[in-house]
């Protein structure tokens, strides 16, 4: 799924990867709905120059959706889950210490700080001052955040306060997708009704499919569930991405199944990289590991020769599991695939007009001469 020259870790043989102040760190985990729903990344750190006049600029009031979102982070349990995710927490700590030269003596902003663990890491790295910002009651003091999404808050903080040469952690992100097979999941949710203690309750199948697969599911799968190399849905450069660029993302995909198996849906996951501030290529000495720019999703970015140069936090199915898990969009009925059979189509991710923290997902896919459309909402 990702090329070898790529430092991202979407899958073992990767294609190209993809979420002032001296530094800004992006990610806010998605609030849970019921038992376990989607979570948006919540980790954000920023080194910045504090401008009191800019901070006093008038902001839009929080909506009821915003308040419900912030309130969902008031429970200690979700923060305990994040902190106990050693892959996530230790990677952030290593990234902070690895970039200590950018942090020591600087002002840091942790956007969406939660319990403040990442802010404390920055203090340990020698930051002159750390502003730990959060709108939920878990924070020690009341801080108002008015942007419509976590990454939007990071972009706003970057545009207002990031100094030239300042650091953003993570520096870039890549969203991936791949077709999956998951017979156990389908059997447990659907085929169960065909024989319930010897009774045929197939009349429940239609409702069972709707209840189980209408909305995206956040769960853990493994590399064995993946049928092809992944496809890059979106690469995000946190130093240059705009809010408008994230309102709608569309990509066309084409996969060739590597095995004969039922296709049950598509999985989505992400990688983030922790690199230093980008500099014009002419500023790098001839011995640097940067090569020519290449295009990802129509935008230029520098690729690195040495995949070990960047620190990567991956949520890929074949990597150690994290609390983010993977997001799966299941079909109501599987498609039986032959080896090398083509699956092609497009996916469009659109920010909901009802609630900017929700994502409308439009999926079109064709395989074996049959075309399908699946609409769902990531809440």
Protein backbone atom coordinates (compact mmCIF):
# COMPACT_ATOMS: atom_id res chain seq x y z
CA UNK A 1 0.00 0.00 0.00
CA UNK A 2 2.78 2.42 0.55
CA UNK A 3 6.05 2.73 -1.32
CA UNK A 4 9.28 1.90 0.40
CA UNK A 5 10.62 5.40 0.15
CA UNK A 6 7.71 6.53 2.24
CA UNK A 7 8.25 6.82 5.97
CA UNK A 8 4.54 6.31 6.71
CA UNK A 9 3.37 2.91 7.82
CA UNK A 10 -0.01 2.21 6.26
CA UNK A 11 0.93 -1.35 5.39
CA UNK A 12 4.09 -3.39 5.00
CA UNK A 13 4.82 -2.50 1.38
CA UNK A 14 3.65 1.12 1.40
CA UNK A 15 2.53 3.48 -1.34
CA UNK A 16 3.18 7.21 -0.90
CA UNK A 17 1.99 8.39 2.57
CA UNK A 18 -0.11 11.11 3.65
CA UNK A 19 -3.10 15.36 10.70
CA UNK A 20 4.75 31.88 16.35
CA UNK A 21 4.02 29.68 18.57
CA UNK A 22 7.03 27.59 18.22
CA UNK A 23 4.97 24.42 17.87
CA UNK A 24 1.47 23.12 17.38
CA UNK A 25 0.44 19.53 17.84
CA UNK A 26 -2.70 18.20 16.11
CA UNK A 27 -5.21 15.42 17.01
CA UNK A 28 -8.42 15.14 19.09
CA UNK A 29 -9.90 11.80 19.82
CA UNK A 30 -13.49 11.36 18.75
CA UNK A 31 -16.04 11.48 21.52
CA UNK A 32 -17.82 8.21 22.08
CA UNK A 33 -21.51 7.82 21.38
CA UNK A 34 -23.03 5.05 23.46
CA UNK A 35 -20.45 2.35 24.10
CA UNK A 36 -17.83 2.86 21.40
CA UNK A 37 -18.13 5.10 18.40
CA UNK A 38 -15.70 7.15 16.43
CA UNK A 39 -13.07 9.31 18.07
CA UNK A 40 -11.22 12.23 16.54
CA UNK A 41 -7.62 12.77 17.43
CA UNK A 42 -7.14 15.10 20.34
CA UNK A 43 -3.40 15.48 20.81
CA UNK A 44 -2.13 18.95 19.88
CA UNK A 45 0.97 20.87 20.87
CA UNK A 46 2.13 24.31 19.79
CA UNK A 47 5.08 26.56 20.36
CA UNK A 48 3.93 30.08 19.72
CA UNK A 49 4.38 33.75 20.36
CA UNK A 50 1.52 34.95 22.52
CA UNK A 51 -0.35 37.91 21.05
CA UNK A 52 -2.88 39.29 23.53
CA UNK A 53 -4.65 41.46 20.96
CA UNK A 54 -5.12 38.56 18.54
CA UNK A 55 -6.44 36.35 21.32
CA UNK A 56 -9.15 38.88 22.12
CA UNK A 57 -10.57 38.73 18.58
CA UNK A 58 -14.28 38.04 18.54
CA UNK A 59 -15.17 34.38 18.15
CA UNK A 60 -18.37 32.53 17.24
CA UNK A 61 -20.32 31.12 20.20
CA UNK A 62 -20.22 27.39 20.92
CA UNK A 63 -23.16 25.37 19.57
CA UNK A 64 -25.07 22.70 21.49
CA UNK A 65 -23.10 20.12 19.48
CA UNK A 66 -19.85 21.74 20.64
CA UNK A 67 -20.92 21.68 24.27
CA UNK A 68 -21.96 18.02 24.04
CA UNK A 69 -18.61 17.19 22.44
CA UNK A 70 -16.65 19.00 25.14
CA UNK A 71 -18.79 17.45 27.87
CA UNK A 72 -17.98 13.97 26.56
CA UNK A 73 -14.35 14.59 27.51
CA UNK A 74 -15.19 15.53 31.10
CA UNK A 75 -15.18 11.86 32.12
CA UNK A 76 -11.79 10.65 33.30
CA UNK A 77 -12.23 7.27 31.64
CA UNK A 78 -11.61 8.48 28.09
CA UNK A 79 -8.41 10.26 29.22
CA UNK A 80 -7.27 7.17 31.08
CA UNK A 81 -7.77 5.17 27.88
CA UNK A 82 -5.66 7.63 25.89
CA UNK A 83 -2.86 7.77 28.44
CA UNK A 84 -2.75 3.97 28.77
CA UNK A 85 -2.36 3.72 24.99
CA UNK A 86 1.42 3.31 25.18
CA UNK A 87 1.89 3.43 21.40
CA UNK A 88 0.24 6.85 21.29
CA UNK A 89 1.64 8.36 24.50
CA UNK A 90 5.22 7.12 24.21
CA UNK A 91 5.43 8.16 20.55
CA UNK A 92 4.34 11.68 21.47
CA UNK A 93 6.84 11.80 24.33
CA UNK A 94 9.64 10.61 22.05
CA UNK A 95 8.66 13.19 19.41
CA UNK A 96 8.75 15.98 22.01
CA UNK A 97 12.15 14.92 23.33
CA UNK A 98 13.51 14.39 19.82
CA UNK A 99 12.57 18.00 19.00
CA UNK A 100 13.76 19.39 22.31
CA UNK A 101 15.96 21.95 20.56
CA UNK A 102 12.78 23.54 19.14
CA UNK A 103 10.96 23.42 22.47
CA UNK A 104 13.54 24.45 25.09
CA UNK A 105 13.09 28.10 26.06
CA UNK A 106 10.01 28.48 23.83
CA UNK A 107 6.30 28.99 24.50
CA UNK A 108 4.16 25.91 23.87
CA UNK A 109 0.41 25.55 23.29
CA UNK A 110 -1.19 22.13 23.82
CA UNK A 111 -4.49 22.37 21.90
CA UNK A 112 -7.02 19.97 23.43
CA UNK A 113 -4.77 19.14 26.38
CA UNK A 114 -7.12 16.90 28.39
CA UNK A 115 -5.27 15.94 31.56
CA UNK A 116 -2.21 17.85 30.33
CA UNK A 117 0.18 14.90 29.99
CA UNK A 118 1.67 16.17 26.71
CA UNK A 119 1.97 19.68 28.14
CA UNK A 120 3.95 18.21 31.05
CA UNK A 121 6.25 16.42 28.61
CA UNK A 122 6.91 19.79 26.96
CA UNK A 123 7.71 21.34 30.33
CA UNK A 124 10.13 18.49 30.95
CA UNK A 125 11.71 19.26 27.57
CA UNK A 126 12.52 22.78 28.83
CA UNK A 127 9.66 24.89 27.47
CA UNK A 128 9.69 28.41 28.91
CA UNK A 129 5.90 28.41 29.28
CA UNK A 130 3.17 25.92 28.36
CA UNK A 131 -0.46 26.91 27.67
CA UNK A 132 -2.61 23.79 28.15
CA UNK A 133 -5.92 24.57 26.39
CA UNK A 134 -9.09 22.52 26.69
CA UNK A 135 -12.82 23.29 26.70
CA UNK A 136 -13.96 20.27 28.70
CA UNK A 137 -14.36 20.18 32.48
CA UNK A 138 -11.34 17.89 32.74
CA UNK A 139 -9.12 20.98 32.41
CA UNK A 140 -8.00 22.77 35.56
CA UNK A 141 -9.29 26.08 34.30
CA UNK A 142 -12.01 27.19 31.91
CA UNK A 143 -10.65 27.89 28.44
CA UNK A 144 -12.95 28.68 25.55
CA UNK A 145 -12.39 27.00 22.21
CA UNK A 146 -14.68 28.10 19.43
CA UNK A 147 -13.38 26.42 16.30
CA UNK A 148 -15.62 23.77 14.76
CA UNK A 149 -13.21 20.82 14.90
CA UNK A 150 -9.99 19.84 16.56
CA UNK A 151 -7.84 20.15 13.46
CA UNK A 152 -9.59 23.43 12.72
CA UNK A 153 -8.50 24.67 16.15
CA UNK A 154 -4.91 23.69 15.40
CA UNK A 155 -5.00 25.43 12.02
CA UNK A 156 -6.39 28.59 13.63
CA UNK A 157 -3.72 28.53 16.34
CA UNK A 158 -1.06 28.00 13.67
CA UNK A 159 -2.25 30.91 11.55
CA UNK A 160 -2.50 33.26 14.53
CA UNK A 161 0.59 32.44 16.51
CA UNK A 162 3.09 30.12 14.83
CA UNK A 163 6.45 31.86 14.37
CA UNK A 164 8.49 31.31 11.19
CA UNK A 165 10.46 28.13 11.76
CA UNK A 166 8.06 27.05 14.54
CA UNK A 167 7.27 23.40 15.12
CA UNK A 168 3.97 21.55 14.68
CA UNK A 169 3.55 18.07 16.14
CA UNK A 170 2.44 15.95 14.36
CA UNK A 171 3.77 17.59 11.21
CA UNK A 172 1.75 15.61 8.68
CA UNK A 173 -0.83 12.85 8.43
CA UNK A 174 -2.06 10.32 5.90
CA UNK A 175 -5.50 8.71 5.72
CA UNK A 176 -5.61 5.26 4.09
CA UNK A 177 -8.32 2.86 2.96
CA UNK A 178 -8.36 -0.78 1.83
CA UNK A 179 -10.95 -3.48 1.11
CA UNK A 180 -11.42 -6.00 3.91
CA UNK A 181 -12.79 -9.45 4.53
CA UNK A 182 -14.16 -10.21 8.00
CA UNK A 183 -16.19 -13.44 8.06
CA UNK A 184 -16.29 -13.72 11.85
CA UNK A 185 -17.76 -10.24 12.23
CA UNK A 186 -20.38 -10.82 9.54
CA UNK A 187 -21.28 -14.25 10.87
CA UNK A 188 -21.60 -13.02 14.44
CA UNK A 189 -23.90 -10.14 13.51
CA UNK A 190 -25.89 -11.59 10.59
CA UNK A 191 -25.63 -15.36 10.11
CA UNK A 192 -26.47 -15.80 13.79
CA UNK A 193 -30.15 -15.19 12.96
CA UNK A 194 -30.32 -18.09 10.51
CA UNK A 195 -30.17 -20.57 13.37
CA UNK A 196 -31.11 -19.34 16.83
CA UNK A 197 -31.18 -22.41 19.08
CA UNK A 198 -32.41 -24.44 16.13
CA UNK A 199 -35.02 -21.85 15.08
CA UNK A 200 -34.78 -20.08 11.70
CA UNK A 201 -35.14 -16.37 12.46
CA UNK A 202 -34.06 -15.17 9.00
CA UNK A 203 -36.92 -12.69 9.05
CA UNK A 204 -34.62 -10.57 11.28
CA UNK A 205 -31.80 -10.46 8.70
CA UNK A 206 -32.79 -7.18 7.07
CA UNK A 207 -33.07 -5.37 10.40
CA UNK A 208 -29.90 -7.05 11.67
CA UNK A 209 -27.92 -5.78 8.69
CA UNK A 210 -29.25 -2.26 9.14
CA UNK A 211 -28.46 -2.21 12.86
CA UNK A 212 -24.99 -3.73 12.45
CA UNK A 213 -23.75 -1.99 9.33
CA UNK A 214 -25.69 1.25 8.77
CA UNK A 215 -23.01 3.40 10.43
CA UNK A 216 -19.22 3.12 10.40
CA UNK A 217 -17.83 0.82 13.08
CA UNK A 218 -14.70 1.54 15.14
CA UNK A 219 -13.03 -1.78 15.90
CA UNK A 220 -9.72 -3.61 15.71
CA UNK A 221 -8.79 -5.77 12.71
CA UNK A 222 -5.48 -7.33 11.68
CA UNK A 223 -3.40 -7.43 8.53
CA UNK A 224 -5.05 -10.76 7.68
CA UNK A 225 -8.33 -8.94 7.08
CA UNK A 226 -6.81 -6.69 4.39
CA UNK A 227 -7.30 -7.85 0.79
CA UNK A 228 -4.99 -5.44 -1.08
CA UNK A 229 -2.32 -2.80 -0.62
CA UNK A 230 -3.91 0.38 0.79
CA UNK A 231 -4.90 3.52 -1.07
CA UNK A 232 -4.00 7.04 0.11
CA UNK A 233 -7.24 8.94 0.62
CA UNK A 234 -5.68 12.19 1.82
CA UNK A 235 -2.27 13.52 2.76
CA UNK A 236 -2.28 16.47 5.17
CA UNK A 237 0.65 18.82 5.70
CA UNK A 238 -0.10 20.49 9.05
CA UNK A 239 2.12 23.44 8.15
CA UNK A 240 0.08 24.39 5.08
CA UNK A 241 -3.36 22.74 5.15
CA UNK A 242 -6.36 25.06 5.23
CA UNK A 243 -9.75 24.58 6.88
CA UNK A 244 -11.48 24.84 3.50
CA UNK A 245 -9.32 22.05 2.11
CA UNK A 246 -10.75 19.65 4.69
CA UNK A 247 -14.45 20.42 4.17
CA UNK A 248 -14.66 17.90 1.31
CA UNK A 249 -12.19 15.20 0.32
CA UNK A 250 -12.75 12.99 -2.73
CA UNK A 251 -10.53 10.27 -4.11
CA UNK A 252 -10.90 7.57 -6.75
CA UNK A 253 -9.54 4.12 -5.97
CA UNK A 254 -8.75 0.91 -7.84
CA UNK A 255 -7.78 -2.28 -6.02
CA UNK A 256 -6.83 -5.78 -7.19
CA UNK A 257 -7.74 -8.46 -4.67
CA UNK A 258 -4.73 -10.51 -3.61
CA UNK A 259 -6.86 -13.53 -2.72
CA UNK A 260 -10.16 -15.27 -3.22
CA UNK A 261 -12.42 -14.14 -0.37
CA UNK A 262 -15.70 -12.37 0.41
CA UNK A 263 -15.43 -8.58 0.39
CA UNK A 264 -17.25 -7.26 3.45
CA UNK A 265 -16.37 -3.57 3.25
CA UNK A 266 -13.57 -1.02 3.52
CA UNK A 267 -11.28 -0.13 6.40
CA UNK A 268 -9.82 3.32 7.08
CA UNK A 269 -6.84 4.22 9.27
CA UNK A 270 -4.16 6.89 9.54
CA UNK A 271 -0.48 7.53 10.12
CA UNK A 272 1.04 10.72 11.53
CA UNK A 273 4.69 11.80 11.27
CA UNK A 274 6.68 13.95 13.66
CA UNK A 275 9.14 15.98 11.59
CA UNK A 276 10.85 19.31 12.14
CA UNK A 277 9.74 22.48 10.34
CA UNK A 278 9.88 22.26 6.57
CA UNK A 279 12.49 24.39 4.84
CA UNK A 280 12.95 25.30 1.17
CA UNK A 281 14.84 22.52 -0.56
CA UNK A 282 17.66 24.91 -1.43
CA UNK A 283 18.32 25.35 2.31
CA UNK A 284 19.29 21.72 2.74
CA UNK A 285 22.92 20.61 2.33
CA UNK A 286 23.67 18.15 -0.44
CA UNK A 287 23.94 15.33 2.11
CA UNK A 288 20.36 15.73 3.30
CA UNK A 289 17.92 12.85 2.94
CA UNK A 290 15.32 14.89 1.04
CA UNK A 291 14.81 14.20 -2.65
CA UNK A 292 12.71 15.84 -5.32
CA UNK A 293 9.14 16.82 -4.53
CA UNK A 294 6.37 14.47 -5.67
CA UNK A 295 2.62 14.81 -5.85
CA UNK A 296 0.19 13.34 -3.35
CA UNK A 297 -3.51 14.19 -3.84
CA UNK A 298 -2.43 17.01 -6.16
CA UNK A 299 -0.18 18.75 -3.62
CA UNK A 300 3.58 18.77 -3.45
CA UNK A 301 5.49 17.36 -0.54
CA UNK A 302 9.08 16.24 0.06
CA UNK A 303 9.75 12.54 0.29
CA UNK A 304 12.55 11.10 2.39
CA UNK A 305 15.07 8.51 1.24
CA UNK A 306 15.55 7.04 4.71
CA UNK A 307 12.23 5.69 6.07
CA UNK A 308 13.74 5.59 9.57
CA UNK A 309 14.34 9.35 9.61
CA UNK A 310 10.79 10.28 10.60
CA UNK A 311 9.08 9.23 13.80
CA UNK A 312 5.76 7.63 12.80
CA UNK A 313 2.65 6.85 14.81
CA UNK A 314 0.59 4.34 12.83
CA UNK A 315 -2.89 2.92 13.39
CA UNK A 316 -2.52 0.42 10.54
CA UNK A 317 -4.08 -3.03 11.05
CA UNK A 318 -0.71 -4.81 11.01
CA UNK A 319 0.85 -2.49 13.58
CA UNK A 320 0.48 -2.66 17.39
CA UNK A 321 -3.13 -1.75 18.26
CA UNK A 322 -4.01 1.71 19.57
CA UNK A 323 -7.14 3.13 21.18
CA UNK A 324 -8.01 4.67 17.79
CA UNK A 325 -8.38 1.17 16.28
CA UNK A 326 -9.61 1.23 12.66
CA UNK A 327 -12.85 2.51 11.13
CA UNK A 328 -14.81 0.07 8.99
CA UNK A 329 -17.65 0.65 6.57
CA UNK A 330 -19.43 -2.66 6.07
CA UNK A 331 -21.63 -3.63 3.13
CA UNK A 332 -25.08 -5.02 3.84
CA UNK A 333 -24.19 -8.03 1.65
CA UNK A 334 -20.65 -9.29 0.90
CA UNK A 335 -19.23 -9.60 -2.63
CA UNK A 336 -17.47 -12.85 -3.50
CA UNK A 337 -14.08 -11.95 -4.98
CA UNK A 338 -11.71 -14.00 -7.11
CA UNK A 339 -7.98 -13.46 -6.91
CA UNK A 340 -6.90 -10.39 -8.92
CA UNK A 341 -10.53 -9.21 -9.24
CA UNK A 342 -10.77 -5.44 -9.56
CA UNK A 343 -12.62 -3.25 -7.05
CA UNK A 344 -12.87 0.37 -8.12
CA UNK A 345 -14.87 3.46 -7.30
CA UNK A 346 -14.68 6.68 -5.32
CA UNK A 347 -15.18 7.90 -1.79
CA UNK A 348 -16.18 11.42 -0.73
CA UNK A 349 -15.80 12.64 2.86
CA UNK A 350 -17.78 15.80 3.59
CA UNK A 351 -18.02 17.79 6.78
CA UNK A 352 -21.61 17.68 8.01
CA UNK A 353 -23.49 20.98 7.80
CA UNK A 354 -25.56 19.90 10.80
CA UNK A 355 -22.54 19.29 13.00
CA UNK A 356 -19.02 20.04 11.78
CA UNK A 357 -17.69 17.24 13.99
CA UNK A 358 -19.65 14.67 11.95
CA UNK A 359 -18.44 13.34 8.60
CA UNK A 360 -20.76 12.33 5.76
CA UNK A 361 -19.30 9.42 3.79
CA UNK A 362 -20.38 8.73 0.21
CA UNK A 363 -18.95 5.49 -1.18
CA UNK A 364 -19.36 4.19 -4.74
CA UNK A 365 -17.81 0.87 -5.68
CA UNK A 366 -17.97 -1.57 -8.58
CA UNK A 367 -16.74 -5.15 -8.80
CA UNK A 368 -17.70 -8.17 -10.89
CA UNK A 369 -19.99 -6.05 -13.05
CA UNK A 370 -22.09 -4.89 -10.08
CA UNK A 371 -22.21 -1.28 -8.87
CA UNK A 372 -23.15 -0.16 -5.38
CA UNK A 373 -23.54 3.04 -3.35
CA UNK A 374 -23.24 3.27 0.43
CA UNK A 375 -24.06 6.40 2.41
CA UNK A 376 -23.11 6.68 6.07
CA UNK A 377 -22.31 9.23 8.77
CA UNK A 378 -19.27 9.19 11.05
CA UNK A 379 -20.54 10.59 14.35
